[in-house]
Amino acid sequence: MYSIILIVTLILVSGVIAYIGDLTGFRIGKKKISIFGLRPHRTAVFVTIITGIVISIITISILSILSYDVRTALFGLDELRERQYELTREIQQRNKQLSETQEELVAKTEDLEKLEEEFQQLNTQIELQTDQLQSLLEIKEKLTEERDSLQEEISELEETVRGLYTGISWLRSGDIILDQGEEITMTIIQGGMTEEEIEQELMRLLNQATRKVLEMGAERDEESGQVLIISRKEYEDLIQKIEQSESELVVRLLASMNVIKGEVVLADFSTLENKLVFEQNEVVLVEKIPVINDPAEAEDTLFSILRKVNLKAVQEGIIPESGTSLVGTISAVNLFEMVRDIVQSESSMIQIKVVALDDTWTTGPFKVRMEAEEIVQ
């Protein structure tokens, strides 16, 4: 409505101005008025031109005053174009950012889909492992019940075995020629020998053991004619062990159980490395004791020290004598001299040293001497 009124107004104003200009030009022409030295006719044309110009100026002015769009079109076109260019660039940048964002969104969507697939797989695995765990727990419960049941059976069997061993020990407590674990015979075999050489050494050991147990009262089995019964597998394992060894080995034949006179002998092998345990003149034990005036008490003290030496020697690997568990020997003269030195000492404390007489190996013998030294305080 505003635009229609404005257009009508401009038409009316232009018509009025045109009428006035035409009227003015007519009067000027009629009165033969001259402007700027022009002829009357030219002056009338000039007035008409001025009138048209005035109409245009008034029209433009009114439109500019009354319409912001006209003012912008007349005076702000360049600014509008520049603004349009900037907006176009901004739109292009935004479109580019939008495109990049869409690409990132697509990539993120793909990653999300992959993560969802992995999540589903993990869920499936968790469910499977949960089922497996439940199954394992059930198996564990069953095994625990079976274990408890087996332990009860083992306890009952152990009681039965103890009862049987008690009866067997009672039955076999008669004329025993060999105790369980007692050494029958012993030999030293160098490791790394051929199988044939090892068998020859073992046969010599077994022949020696056979003669010994027969002399002690054992008898041969009526069917096999053997007096020594040894596991064939143990025999073969022993040969393989010696063949693979690089050391000198002590091979002992031990009674597997108590042997009564007139029976065959059940035996098994025992092996250990034959090593140098104590060197000649090596101090085995040092102990300080107070001076004792009583010879019997001094002798008991020395025997106590020798028992410690015996225990240490066994722990170091020296094989004790069968039946006595002793490994060391000392001369009676040395023992008498030690008792005398202790009793006659004027010091309050004496240091006792036990020294190996010779190089002593695993098989022994272990010979020692004792030395006394007064401690000056």
Foldseek 3Di string as FASTA:
>chain_A
DVVVVLVVVLVVVLVVLQVVLLVVLVVQLVVQPDPPNDTSNVVSVVSNVVSVVVSVVVSLVVCVVVPVVSVCVVPVPVVVVVVVVVVVVVVVVVVVVVVVVVVVVVVVVVVVVVVVVVVVVVVVVVVVVVVVVVVVVVVVVVVVVVVVVVVVVVVVVVVVVVVVVVVVCVVLVDAWLAAAFFWQDKDKDAAQDDLVVVVVVVVVGVVSSQVRVVVSAEAADPPPRAQEDEDPVLVVVVSVVRNPDRAIKMKTKGFNHTDHGHHRTYIGIDMDGWFFQAAAFDWQDKDKDFQDQDLVVQLVVVVVVQVVSQVVLVVSQAQAHGPPSGQEDEDPVLSVVSSVCSNPDPAGMKMKTKTFHHGAINDDNTYIGIDIDGDDD
